[in-house]
């Protein structure tokens, strides 16, 4: 590859050196031809020297560029660009792999999120049922206590009512006895009471 490049460079060099010699007959023909009369050899030599100057300038420019290492610069730059492209390709592959990993992690997170939500729903349902069961138990206890309290209150009210009835009956009996008892009856009761006392002693 390097030998081929050297041959191409030499070919261009030889072509540039021989270019004035190929162009000089054309310049002479151009200078001699035409409708005007007169000596135009000065113009021909002027054109020839311009071509030689241009050719020499091109040769010097090519030689200077070779000496300055332009080819090496472009080769190094090409290699640098190639390395950069390979690095960018590797970065792209790494980025794609990271993206796929993130996407996979996101899918796993979504699945875990669904599982966690389902677990929370299940736990919430169980807690709800437990709270309802506790509330029912507490309600049953409250109802039982209320029934016991009501029964006690009913019994207590019945006892009070009976006591009031007994008191009223006693009071009414006393009132009736007081109304119907005479002094004679009182003396007789007192005598009977005394006799009973005596019998007891």
Protein backbone atom coordinates (compact mmCIF):
# COMPACT_ATOMS: atom_id res chain seq x y z
CA UNK A 1 0.00 0.00 0.00
CA UNK A 2 2.84 2.38 0.89
CA UNK A 3 4.76 1.48 -2.32
CA UNK A 4 1.68 2.16 -4.41
CA UNK A 5 1.24 5.54 -2.74
CA UNK A 6 4.89 6.40 -3.37
CA UNK A 7 4.52 5.47 -7.06
CA UNK A 8 1.44 7.68 -7.37
CA UNK A 9 3.28 10.57 -5.68
CA UNK A 10 6.27 10.12 -8.06
CA UNK A 11 3.92 10.01 -11.04
CA UNK A 12 2.38 13.34 -10.05
CA UNK A 13 5.82 14.79 -9.49
CA UNK A 14 7.04 13.71 -12.93
CA UNK A 15 3.85 15.00 -14.55
CA UNK A 16 4.29 18.39 -12.92
CA UNK A 17 7.92 18.60 -14.01
CA UNK A 18 7.14 17.63 -17.61
CA UNK A 19 4.01 19.78 -17.83
CA UNK A 20 5.86 22.91 -19.04
CA UNK A 21 7.53 20.96 -21.80
CA UNK A 22 4.20 19.65 -23.03
CA UNK A 23 2.61 23.06 -22.84
CA UNK A 24 5.45 24.93 -24.60
CA UNK A 25 4.54 23.67 -28.13
CA UNK A 26 0.93 24.61 -27.52
CA UNK A 27 2.04 27.99 -26.35
CA UNK A 28 4.20 28.38 -29.48
CA UNK A 29 1.32 27.37 -31.71
CA UNK A 30 -0.96 29.77 -29.95
CA UNK A 31 1.58 32.54 -30.24
CA UNK A 32 2.29 31.93 -33.94
CA UNK A 33 -1.29 31.43 -35.00
CA UNK A 34 -3.86 34.14 -35.35
CA UNK A 35 -4.75 36.90 -37.73
CA UNK A 36 -2.48 39.61 -36.35
CA UNK A 37 0.92 40.14 -37.84
CA UNK A 38 4.01 41.00 -35.90
CA UNK A 39 6.54 39.36 -33.66
CA UNK A 40 4.81 37.79 -30.65
CA UNK A 41 7.74 35.70 -29.46
CA UNK A 42 8.02 37.90 -26.36
CA UNK A 43 4.50 36.95 -25.37
CA UNK A 44 5.36 33.31 -25.94
CA UNK A 45 8.40 33.45 -23.68
CA UNK A 46 6.40 35.33 -21.08
CA UNK A 47 3.74 32.61 -21.12
CA UNK A 48 6.39 29.92 -20.96
CA UNK A 49 8.06 31.51 -17.93
CA UNK A 50 4.68 31.86 -16.22
CA UNK A 51 4.00 28.17 -16.77
CA UNK A 52 7.47 27.25 -15.49
CA UNK A 53 6.97 29.50 -12.45
CA UNK A 54 3.56 27.98 -11.74
CA UNK A 55 4.96 24.45 -12.15
CA UNK A 56 7.87 25.20 -9.84
CA UNK A 57 5.50 26.75 -7.32
CA UNK A 58 3.31 23.62 -7.40
CA UNK A 59 6.38 21.37 -7.03
CA UNK A 60 7.67 23.43 -4.11
CA UNK A 61 4.23 23.45 -2.53
CA UNK A 62 3.93 19.66 -2.86
CA UNK A 63 7.45 19.20 -1.50
CA UNK A 64 6.74 21.60 1.40
CA UNK A 65 3.50 19.85 2.24
CA UNK A 66 5.30 16.50 2.26
CA UNK A 67 8.02 17.90 4.48
CA UNK A 68 5.46 19.45 6.81
CA UNK A 69 3.93 16.03 7.35
CA UNK A 70 0.49 16.87 6.00
CA UNK A 71 0.01 13.26 4.99
CA UNK A 72 0.97 12.13 8.46
CA UNK A 73 -1.37 14.73 9.90
CA UNK A 74 -4.29 13.52 7.79
CA UNK A 75 -3.38 9.88 8.49
CA UNK A 76 -3.21 10.60 12.20
CA UNK A 77 -6.43 12.58 12.00
CA UNK A 78 -8.12 9.72 10.11
CA UNK A 79 -6.90 7.25 12.72
CA UNK A 80 -8.09 9.56 15.49
CA UNK A 81 -11.51 9.84 13.87
CA UNK A 82 -11.64 6.06 13.42
CA UNK A 83 -10.74 5.53 17.08
CA UNK A 84 -13.30 8.13 18.10
CA UNK A 85 -15.96 6.41 16.01
CA UNK A 86 -15.08 3.06 17.59
CA UNK A 87 -15.23 4.66 21.04
CA UNK A 88 -18.60 6.24 20.21
CA UNK A 89 -19.80 2.87 18.91
CA UNK A 90 -18.72 1.21 22.17
CA UNK A 91 -20.40 4.00 24.16
CA UNK A 92 -23.54 3.55 22.09
CA UNK A 93 -23.53 -0.20 22.73
CA UNK A 94 -22.91 0.41 26.45
CA UNK A 95 -25.73 2.98 26.49
CA UNK A 96 -28.09 0.58 24.74
CA UNK A 97 -27.15 -2.18 27.18
CA UNK A 98 -27.69 0.20 30.10
CA UNK A 99 -31.02 1.29 28.60
CA UNK A 100 -32.13 -2.32 28.26
CA UNK A 101 -31.03 -3.00 31.83
CA UNK A 102 -32.97 0.04 33.05
CA UNK A 103 -35.99 -1.06 31.04
CA UNK A 104 -35.72 -4.55 32.56
CA UNK A 105 -35.38 -3.02 36.05
CA UNK A 106 -38.43 -0.86 35.36
CA UNK A 107 -40.46 -3.89 34.29
CA UNK A 108 -39.34 -5.76 37.42
CA UNK A 109 -40.26 -2.72 39.53
CA UNK A 110 -43.70 -2.57 37.91
CA UNK A 111 -44.23 -6.27 38.67
CA UNK A 112 -43.02 -5.80 42.26
CA UNK A 113 -45.28 -2.76 42.58
CA UNK A 114 -48.27 -4.83 41.47
CA UNK A 115 -47.34 -7.57 43.94
CA UNK A 116 -46.91 -5.05 46.76
CA UNK A 117 -50.23 -3.37 45.92
CA UNK A 118 -51.98 -6.76 45.82
CA UNK A 119 -50.40 -7.66 49.17
CA UNK A 120 -51.49 -4.33 50.68
CA UNK A 121 -55.02 -4.83 49.35
CA UNK A 122 -55.09 -8.32 50.84
CA UNK A 123 -53.71 -7.09 54.17
CA UNK A 124 -56.18 -4.18 54.12
CA UNK A 125 -59.05 -6.57 53.49
CA UNK A 126 -57.90 -8.82 56.35
CA UNK A 127 -57.55 -5.78 58.64
CA UNK A 128 -60.99 -4.59 57.61
CA UNK A 129 -62.50 -8.00 58.41
CA UNK A 130 -60.64 -8.07 61.75
CA UNK A 131 -61.89 -4.59 62.67
CA UNK A 132 -65.46 -5.55 61.68
CA UNK A 133 -65.22 -8.74 63.78
CA UNK A 134 -63.89 -6.77 66.76
CA UNK A 135 -66.67 -4.19 66.32
CA UNK A 136 -69.27 -6.99 66.25
CA UNK A 137 -67.80 -8.53 69.40
CA UNK A 138 -67.81 -5.15 71.14
CA UNK A 139 -71.38 -4.52 69.97
CA UNK A 140 -72.45 -7.95 71.29
CA UNK A 141 -70.77 -7.21 74.61
CA UNK A 142 -72.45 -3.81 74.80
CA UNK A 143 -75.83 -5.40 74.00
CA UNK A 144 -75.27 -8.10 76.64
CA UNK A 145 -74.27 -5.49 79.22
CA UNK A 146 -77.28 -3.40 78.28
CA UNK A 147 -79.58 -6.41 78.62
CA UNK A 148 -78.08 -7.24 82.04
CA UNK A 149 -78.40 -3.60 83.08
CA UNK A 150 -81.99 -3.48 81.82
CA UNK A 151 -82.83 -6.68 83.70
CA UNK A 152 -81.24 -5.30 86.85
CA UNK A 153 -83.09 -2.02 86.42
CA UNK A 154 -86.36 -3.88 85.80
CA UNK A 155 -85.78 -6.05 88.89
CA UNK A 156 -84.83 -3.01 90.94
CA UNK A 157 -87.86 -1.11 89.67
CA UNK A 158 -90.05 -4.14 90.48
CA UNK A 159 -88.61 -4.27 94.01
CA UNK A 160 -89.18 -0.56 94.48
CA UNK A 161 -92.67 -0.90 93.09
CA UNK A 162 -93.41 -3.80 95.44
CA UNK A 163 -92.04 -1.84 98.39
CA UNK A 164 -94.14 1.16 97.45
CA UNK A 165 -97.20 -1.10 97.09
CA UNK A 166 -96.50 -2.67 100.52
CA UNK A 167 -95.98 0.77 102.06
CA UNK A 168 -99.14 2.09 100.47
CA UNK A 169 -101.07 -1.01 101.54
CA UNK A 170 -99.74 -0.73 105.08
CA UNK A 171 -100.55 2.93 105.24
CA UNK A 172 -103.98 2.32 103.86
CA UNK A 173 -104.56 -0.54 106.31
CA UNK A 174 -103.52 1.70 109.18
CA UNK A 175 -105.82 4.41 107.95
CA UNK A 176 -108.67 1.91 107.73
CA UNK A 177 -107.91 0.49 111.16
CA UNK A 178 -107.74 3.96 112.68
CA UNK A 179 -111.01 4.90 111.09
CA UNK A 180 -112.88 1.77 112.21
CA UNK A 181 -111.25 1.06 115.61
CA UNK A 182 -112.97 2.33 118.67
CA UNK A 183 -111.67 2.83 122.18
CA UNK A 184 -113.11 -0.48 123.16
CA UNK A 185 -111.19 -2.20 120.39
CA UNK A 186 -108.00 -0.46 121.43
CA UNK A 187 -108.42 -1.63 125.06
CA UNK A 188 -109.07 -5.16 123.88
CA UNK A 189 -105.91 -5.15 121.68
CA UNK A 190 -103.78 -3.79 124.50
CA UNK A 191 -105.09 -6.47 126.88
CA UNK A 192 -104.41 -9.20 124.32
CA UNK A 193 -100.89 -7.89 123.82
CA UNK A 194 -100.24 -7.88 127.56
CA UNK A 195 -101.54 -11.41 127.92
CA UNK A 196 -99.22 -12.63 125.17
CA UNK A 197 -96.30 -10.95 126.87
CA UNK A 198 -97.11 -12.62 130.10
CA UNK A 199 -97.34 -15.99 128.40
CA UNK A 200 -93.94 -15.48 126.89
CA UNK A 201 -92.38 -14.70 130.23
